[in-house]
N, C-alpha and C. Protein backbone atom coordinates (compact mmCIF):
# COMPACT_ATOMS: atom_id res chain seq x y z
N MET A 1 -11.33 -11.63 27.92
CA MET A 1 -11.41 -13.02 27.56
C MET A 1 -12.21 -13.20 26.27
N ASN A 2 -13.24 -12.38 26.08
CA ASN A 2 -14.04 -12.51 24.86
C ASN A 2 -13.23 -12.17 23.61
N SER A 3 -12.41 -11.14 23.68
CA SER A 3 -11.61 -10.77 22.52
C SER A 3 -10.56 -11.84 22.23
N PHE A 4 -10.03 -12.45 23.29
CA PHE A 4 -9.05 -13.53 23.10
C PHE A 4 -9.70 -14.71 22.38
N LEU A 5 -10.89 -15.11 22.79
CA LEU A 5 -11.58 -16.22 22.14
C LEU A 5 -11.97 -15.87 20.70
N PHE A 6 -12.35 -14.63 20.47
CA PHE A 6 -12.69 -14.21 19.12
C PHE A 6 -11.46 -14.29 18.20
N ASN A 7 -10.32 -13.81 18.69
CA ASN A 7 -9.10 -13.85 17.89
C ASN A 7 -8.65 -15.29 17.63
N VAL A 8 -8.78 -16.16 18.62
CA VAL A 8 -8.44 -17.57 18.41
C VAL A 8 -9.36 -18.18 17.36
N GLY A 9 -10.64 -17.82 17.40
CA GLY A 9 -11.58 -18.31 16.39
C GLY A 9 -11.22 -17.84 14.99
N LEU A 10 -10.80 -16.59 14.86
CA LEU A 10 -10.37 -16.09 13.55
C LEU A 10 -9.13 -16.82 13.05
N ILE A 11 -8.19 -17.08 13.94
CA ILE A 11 -6.98 -17.79 13.54
C ILE A 11 -7.32 -19.21 13.11
N LEU A 12 -8.19 -19.88 13.84
CA LEU A 12 -8.58 -21.24 13.46
C LEU A 12 -9.35 -21.25 12.15
N LEU A 13 -10.17 -20.24 11.92
CA LEU A 13 -10.94 -20.17 10.68
C LEU A 13 -10.04 -19.93 9.48
N CYS A 14 -9.02 -19.11 9.64
CA CYS A 14 -8.14 -18.77 8.53
C CYS A 14 -7.03 -19.80 8.31
N SER A 15 -6.72 -20.60 9.31
CA SER A 15 -5.59 -21.52 9.17
C SER A 15 -5.83 -22.58 8.10
N ILE A 16 -7.06 -23.05 7.97
CA ILE A 16 -7.35 -24.06 6.95
C ILE A 16 -7.13 -23.49 5.56
N SER A 17 -7.63 -22.29 5.33
CA SER A 17 -7.48 -21.70 4.00
C SER A 17 -6.02 -21.37 3.69
N VAL A 18 -5.25 -20.95 4.68
CA VAL A 18 -3.83 -20.65 4.45
C VAL A 18 -3.06 -21.93 4.13
N ILE A 19 -3.34 -23.00 4.84
CA ILE A 19 -2.67 -24.28 4.57
C ILE A 19 -3.04 -24.79 3.20
N GLN A 20 -4.32 -24.70 2.83
CA GLN A 20 -4.73 -25.14 1.49
C GLN A 20 -4.10 -24.27 0.42
N PHE A 21 -4.05 -22.97 0.65
CA PHE A 21 -3.43 -22.06 -0.30
C PHE A 21 -1.96 -22.41 -0.51
N CYS A 22 -1.24 -22.63 0.57
CA CYS A 22 0.18 -22.98 0.47
C CYS A 22 0.39 -24.35 -0.15
N ALA A 23 -0.48 -25.29 0.17
CA ALA A 23 -0.34 -26.64 -0.39
C ALA A 23 -0.58 -26.65 -1.90
N THR A 24 -1.50 -25.83 -2.38
CA THR A 24 -1.73 -25.80 -3.82
C THR A 24 -0.75 -24.89 -4.55
N ALA A 25 -0.35 -23.79 -3.90
CA ALA A 25 0.60 -22.88 -4.54
C ALA A 25 1.98 -23.50 -4.65
N PHE A 26 2.35 -24.28 -3.66
CA PHE A 26 3.66 -24.93 -3.65
C PHE A 26 3.50 -26.44 -3.77
N ALA A 27 2.69 -26.86 -4.72
CA ALA A 27 2.37 -28.29 -4.87
C ALA A 27 3.62 -29.11 -5.18
N TYR A 28 4.54 -28.53 -5.90
CA TYR A 28 5.76 -29.26 -6.24
C TYR A 28 6.57 -29.57 -4.98
N TYR A 29 6.60 -28.62 -4.04
CA TYR A 29 7.38 -28.81 -2.83
C TYR A 29 6.65 -29.64 -1.78
N SER A 30 5.33 -29.73 -1.90
CA SER A 30 4.57 -30.47 -0.89
C SER A 30 4.20 -31.87 -1.34
N GLN A 31 4.88 -32.40 -2.31
CA GLN A 31 4.62 -33.76 -2.75
C GLN A 31 5.01 -34.73 -1.65
N ALA A 32 4.19 -35.74 -1.46
CA ALA A 32 4.42 -36.82 -0.50
C ALA A 32 4.47 -36.29 0.94
N THR A 33 3.70 -35.26 1.24
CA THR A 33 3.60 -34.77 2.60
C THR A 33 2.17 -34.99 3.10
N ALA A 34 1.99 -34.82 4.38
CA ALA A 34 0.66 -35.00 4.96
C ALA A 34 -0.31 -33.95 4.44
N ALA A 35 0.16 -32.72 4.25
CA ALA A 35 -0.72 -31.66 3.75
C ALA A 35 -1.21 -31.98 2.34
N GLN A 36 -0.35 -32.48 1.50
CA GLN A 36 -0.77 -32.85 0.14
C GLN A 36 -1.73 -34.03 0.17
N GLU A 37 -1.49 -34.96 1.06
CA GLU A 37 -2.40 -36.10 1.18
C GLU A 37 -3.78 -35.65 1.64
N ILE A 38 -3.82 -34.74 2.61
CA ILE A 38 -5.10 -34.28 3.14
C ILE A 38 -5.83 -33.42 2.11
N PHE A 39 -5.15 -32.40 1.57
CA PHE A 39 -5.82 -31.46 0.67
C PHE A 39 -5.86 -31.96 -0.77
N GLY A 40 -5.02 -32.90 -1.12
CA GLY A 40 -5.00 -33.38 -2.49
C GLY A 40 -5.95 -34.52 -2.75
N HIS A 41 -6.12 -35.41 -1.76
CA HIS A 41 -6.89 -36.61 -2.02
C HIS A 41 -8.06 -36.78 -1.06
N THR A 42 -7.80 -36.66 0.21
CA THR A 42 -8.82 -37.00 1.21
C THR A 42 -10.00 -36.05 1.18
N LEU A 43 -9.77 -34.76 1.22
CA LEU A 43 -10.87 -33.80 1.29
C LEU A 43 -11.62 -33.66 -0.03
N GLU A 44 -10.97 -33.99 -1.13
CA GLU A 44 -11.66 -33.90 -2.41
C GLU A 44 -12.63 -35.05 -2.64
N SER A 45 -12.54 -36.08 -1.81
CA SER A 45 -13.44 -37.21 -1.98
C SER A 45 -14.55 -37.26 -0.94
N LEU A 46 -14.59 -36.33 0.00
CA LEU A 46 -15.67 -36.30 0.99
C LEU A 46 -16.96 -35.80 0.34
N ARG A 47 -18.06 -36.32 0.81
CA ARG A 47 -19.34 -36.07 0.17
C ARG A 47 -19.78 -34.60 0.25
N GLY A 48 -19.81 -34.01 1.41
CA GLY A 48 -20.34 -32.66 1.54
C GLY A 48 -19.32 -31.56 1.32
N ILE A 49 -18.05 -31.85 1.56
CA ILE A 49 -17.02 -30.81 1.54
C ILE A 49 -16.28 -30.75 0.22
N LYS A 50 -16.39 -31.76 -0.60
CA LYS A 50 -15.54 -31.80 -1.80
C LYS A 50 -15.79 -30.63 -2.75
N TYR A 51 -17.00 -30.08 -2.76
CA TYR A 51 -17.27 -28.95 -3.66
C TYR A 51 -16.61 -27.67 -3.16
N LEU A 52 -16.46 -27.55 -1.84
CA LEU A 52 -15.76 -26.39 -1.31
C LEU A 52 -14.29 -26.40 -1.72
N TYR A 53 -13.70 -27.57 -1.77
CA TYR A 53 -12.29 -27.67 -2.17
C TYR A 53 -12.14 -27.75 -3.68
N LYS A 54 -13.14 -28.30 -4.36
CA LYS A 54 -13.06 -28.39 -5.81
C LYS A 54 -13.09 -27.00 -6.46
N TYR A 55 -13.91 -26.11 -5.92
CA TYR A 55 -14.04 -24.77 -6.48
C TYR A 55 -13.24 -23.73 -5.69
N ASN A 56 -12.35 -24.18 -4.81
CA ASN A 56 -11.43 -23.31 -4.06
C ASN A 56 -12.15 -22.20 -3.28
N ILE A 57 -13.22 -22.56 -2.61
CA ILE A 57 -14.00 -21.58 -1.86
C ILE A 57 -13.17 -21.00 -0.71
N PHE A 58 -12.40 -21.84 -0.01
CA PHE A 58 -11.61 -21.35 1.11
C PHE A 58 -10.50 -20.42 0.64
N GLN A 59 -9.88 -20.73 -0.47
CA GLN A 59 -8.82 -19.86 -1.00
C GLN A 59 -9.38 -18.53 -1.45
N ILE A 60 -10.51 -18.56 -2.11
CA ILE A 60 -11.13 -17.32 -2.57
C ILE A 60 -11.55 -16.47 -1.38
N GLY A 61 -12.10 -17.11 -0.35
CA GLY A 61 -12.46 -16.38 0.86
C GLY A 61 -11.26 -15.76 1.54
N PHE A 62 -10.14 -16.48 1.56
CA PHE A 62 -8.91 -15.95 2.15
C PHE A 62 -8.41 -14.73 1.39
N ILE A 63 -8.40 -14.80 0.07
CA ILE A 63 -7.94 -13.68 -0.75
C ILE A 63 -8.89 -12.49 -0.61
N VAL A 64 -10.20 -12.74 -0.58
CA VAL A 64 -11.18 -11.65 -0.43
C VAL A 64 -11.03 -10.98 0.92
N LEU A 65 -10.86 -11.77 1.98
CA LEU A 65 -10.68 -11.20 3.31
C LEU A 65 -9.39 -10.38 3.40
N ALA A 66 -8.32 -10.87 2.79
CA ALA A 66 -7.07 -10.11 2.77
C ALA A 66 -7.22 -8.82 1.98
N GLY A 67 -7.94 -8.88 0.86
CA GLY A 67 -8.17 -7.67 0.05
C GLY A 67 -9.03 -6.65 0.77
N LEU A 68 -10.08 -7.10 1.45
CA LEU A 68 -10.92 -6.18 2.21
C LEU A 68 -10.15 -5.53 3.35
N THR A 69 -9.29 -6.30 4.00
CA THR A 69 -8.47 -5.75 5.07
C THR A 69 -7.51 -4.69 4.53
N PHE A 70 -6.92 -4.96 3.37
CA PHE A 70 -6.02 -3.99 2.76
C PHE A 70 -6.75 -2.71 2.39
N VAL A 71 -7.93 -2.84 1.81
CA VAL A 71 -8.70 -1.66 1.43
C VAL A 71 -9.11 -0.86 2.67
N TYR A 72 -9.50 -1.55 3.73
CA TYR A 72 -9.89 -0.86 4.97
C TYR A 72 -8.72 -0.07 5.54
N TYR A 73 -7.55 -0.69 5.63
CA TYR A 73 -6.40 0.02 6.19
C TYR A 73 -5.87 1.10 5.25
N ALA A 74 -6.05 0.92 3.95
CA ALA A 74 -5.64 1.98 3.02
C ALA A 74 -6.57 3.18 3.13
N ALA A 75 -7.86 2.92 3.39
CA ALA A 75 -8.82 4.02 3.46
C ALA A 75 -8.79 4.73 4.81
N PHE A 76 -8.74 3.98 5.88
CA PHE A 76 -8.85 4.58 7.21
C PHE A 76 -7.53 4.65 7.96
N GLY A 77 -6.56 3.88 7.57
CA GLY A 77 -5.26 3.90 8.22
C GLY A 77 -5.29 3.28 9.60
N TRP A 78 -4.17 3.36 10.24
CA TRP A 78 -4.07 2.83 11.60
C TRP A 78 -4.56 3.89 12.56
N ARG A 79 -5.57 3.57 13.29
CA ARG A 79 -6.10 4.50 14.29
C ARG A 79 -5.65 4.04 15.67
N ARG A 80 -4.92 4.90 16.34
CA ARG A 80 -4.48 4.59 17.69
C ARG A 80 -5.20 5.50 18.66
N LYS A 81 -5.59 4.92 19.76
CA LYS A 81 -6.24 5.72 20.78
C LYS A 81 -5.18 6.51 21.53
N LYS A 82 -5.48 7.74 21.78
CA LYS A 82 -4.57 8.56 22.56
C LYS A 82 -4.73 8.19 24.03
N PRO A 83 -3.64 8.14 24.76
CA PRO A 83 -3.76 7.83 26.19
C PRO A 83 -4.53 8.93 26.91
N SER A 84 -5.35 8.50 27.84
CA SER A 84 -6.19 9.47 28.53
C SER A 84 -5.40 10.33 29.50
N GLY A 85 -4.25 9.91 29.94
CA GLY A 85 -3.42 10.69 30.84
C GLY A 85 -3.73 10.44 32.30
N ARG A 86 -4.77 9.72 32.56
CA ARG A 86 -5.16 9.48 33.93
C ARG A 86 -4.21 8.51 34.62
N PHE A 87 -3.83 7.47 33.93
CA PHE A 87 -2.92 6.47 34.49
C PHE A 87 -1.62 6.42 33.73
N GLN A 88 -1.27 7.48 33.06
CA GLN A 88 -0.08 7.51 32.25
C GLN A 88 1.17 7.60 33.14
N LEU A 89 2.13 6.68 32.92
CA LEU A 89 3.33 6.64 33.75
C LEU A 89 4.43 7.54 33.25
N SER A 90 4.58 7.64 31.93
CA SER A 90 5.64 8.47 31.38
C SER A 90 5.07 9.31 30.24
N THR A 91 5.76 10.41 29.93
CA THR A 91 5.30 11.28 28.86
C THR A 91 6.18 11.17 27.65
């Protein structure tokens, strides 16, 4: 249950940056949509959060996290645990 909650937290944390990234990258296609209204006008005028969106902190964090993940998997690869054989059903 702890790993499930942790993964849900990661998804919720990254979803905002992915939506902002897509809304700004595809601004022409997102005209007159709710995402453009939220990320284009509403969040840029909030007192405490507007600097995070003005300087694209969430987008930069998303790209950095994706880059670090790529470097980690390029360096260490996919590590799979070998089955212990104790409860193995088929070979």
